[in-house]
């Protein structure tokens, strides 16, 4: 990934509330919230369906919005890996 900013999204399989909570709750570096240009790393589960006006959102699964902050890349990757491990335990 080159030439972009630190804002991106990933699409996970469809998750129920318990599975989504297992993934999101417990991050040490990623906080829940929207980015307003800050330096901190943020994560936010989102549903773009009600927000789309030009074309409908038809992709299956759970959309996760990530804003990558100024923390060390290795630390962020470790935090994300722990989140995916929590999710695997409840799937």
Protein backbone atom coordinates (compact mmCIF):
# COMPACT_ATOMS: atom_id res chain seq x y z
CA UNK A 1 0.00 0.00 0.00
CA UNK A 2 1.69 3.18 -1.16
CA UNK A 3 0.61 6.71 -1.93
CA UNK A 4 -2.44 6.69 0.31
CA UNK A 5 -3.49 8.02 3.65
CA UNK A 6 -4.10 6.14 6.85
CA UNK A 7 -7.86 5.76 6.32
CA UNK A 8 -9.10 2.44 4.94
CA UNK A 9 -11.75 -0.22 5.42
CA UNK A 10 -11.80 -3.99 5.50
CA UNK A 11 -14.76 -6.28 5.00
CA UNK A 12 -15.20 -9.22 7.35
CA UNK A 13 -17.75 -12.03 7.08
CA UNK A 14 -21.18 -11.33 8.53
CA UNK A 15 -20.85 -11.16 12.31
CA UNK A 16 -23.41 -11.20 15.08
CA UNK A 17 -23.15 -8.73 17.97
CA UNK A 18 -21.17 -11.13 20.19
CA UNK A 19 -18.64 -11.87 17.45
CA UNK A 20 -18.24 -8.20 16.58
CA UNK A 21 -17.75 -7.32 20.25
CA UNK A 22 -15.11 -10.06 20.60
CA UNK A 23 -13.18 -8.49 17.72
CA UNK A 24 -13.52 -4.81 18.70
CA UNK A 25 -13.48 -4.97 22.51
CA UNK A 26 -9.98 -5.50 23.78
CA UNK A 27 -7.89 -3.47 21.36
CA UNK A 28 -5.08 -1.74 23.21
CA UNK A 29 -4.02 0.78 20.57
CA UNK A 30 -7.13 1.16 18.40
CA UNK A 31 -9.86 3.22 20.05
CA UNK A 32 -13.47 3.29 18.86
CA UNK A 33 -14.34 6.42 16.90
CA UNK A 34 -14.20 8.47 13.74
CA UNK A 35 -11.03 10.26 12.68
CA UNK A 36 -11.07 14.02 12.37
CA UNK A 37 -7.45 14.20 11.24
CA UNK A 38 -5.93 13.20 14.56
CA UNK A 39 -2.83 11.11 15.15
CA UNK A 40 -4.40 8.21 17.04
CA UNK A 41 -5.40 4.85 15.57
CA UNK A 42 -9.14 4.28 15.48
CA UNK A 43 -11.46 1.44 14.53
CA UNK A 44 -15.17 1.61 13.83
CA UNK A 45 -17.63 -1.05 12.71
CA UNK A 46 -19.95 0.60 10.21
CA UNK A 47 -22.89 -0.12 7.94
CA UNK A 48 -22.75 1.99 4.76
CA UNK A 49 -26.19 0.88 3.50
CA UNK A 50 -28.22 3.77 4.97
CA UNK A 51 -25.51 6.29 4.00
CA UNK A 52 -25.19 5.47 0.30
CA UNK A 53 -27.20 7.70 -2.02
CA UNK A 54 -25.56 7.39 -5.46
CA UNK A 55 -25.57 3.61 -5.54
CA UNK A 56 -26.63 0.96 -3.04
CA UNK A 57 -24.13 -0.90 -0.91
CA UNK A 58 -24.60 -4.56 -1.79
CA UNK A 59 -21.46 -6.14 -0.36
CA UNK A 60 -22.01 -8.88 2.21
CA UNK A 61 -20.36 -8.93 5.61
CA UNK A 62 -19.27 -6.46 8.22
CA UNK A 63 -17.39 -3.32 7.20
CA UNK A 64 -14.63 -2.19 9.58
CA UNK A 65 -13.27 1.33 9.16
CA UNK A 66 -9.64 1.83 10.21
CA UNK A 67 -7.71 5.03 10.72
CA UNK A 68 -4.01 4.30 11.16
CA UNK A 69 -2.28 6.68 13.52
CA UNK A 70 1.31 7.34 14.47
CA UNK A 71 1.93 4.28 16.62
CA UNK A 72 4.65 1.85 15.57
CA UNK A 73 3.51 -0.35 12.67
CA UNK A 74 4.61 -3.52 14.45
CA UNK A 75 2.53 -2.60 17.50
CA UNK A 76 -0.54 -1.89 15.37
CA UNK A 77 -0.15 -5.18 13.50
CA UNK A 78 0.15 -7.01 16.81
CA UNK A 79 -3.00 -5.32 18.12
CA UNK A 80 -4.93 -6.24 14.95
CA UNK A 81 -3.63 -9.82 15.07
CA UNK A 82 -4.92 -10.11 18.66
CA UNK A 83 -8.33 -8.85 17.50
CA UNK A 84 -8.47 -11.46 14.74
CA UNK A 85 -7.44 -14.13 17.24
CA UNK A 86 -10.31 -13.09 19.58
CA UNK A 87 -12.68 -13.29 16.61
CA UNK A 88 -11.46 -16.78 15.63
CA UNK A 89 -12.23 -18.02 19.14
CA UNK A 90 -15.93 -17.12 18.81
CA UNK A 91 -16.53 -18.11 15.18
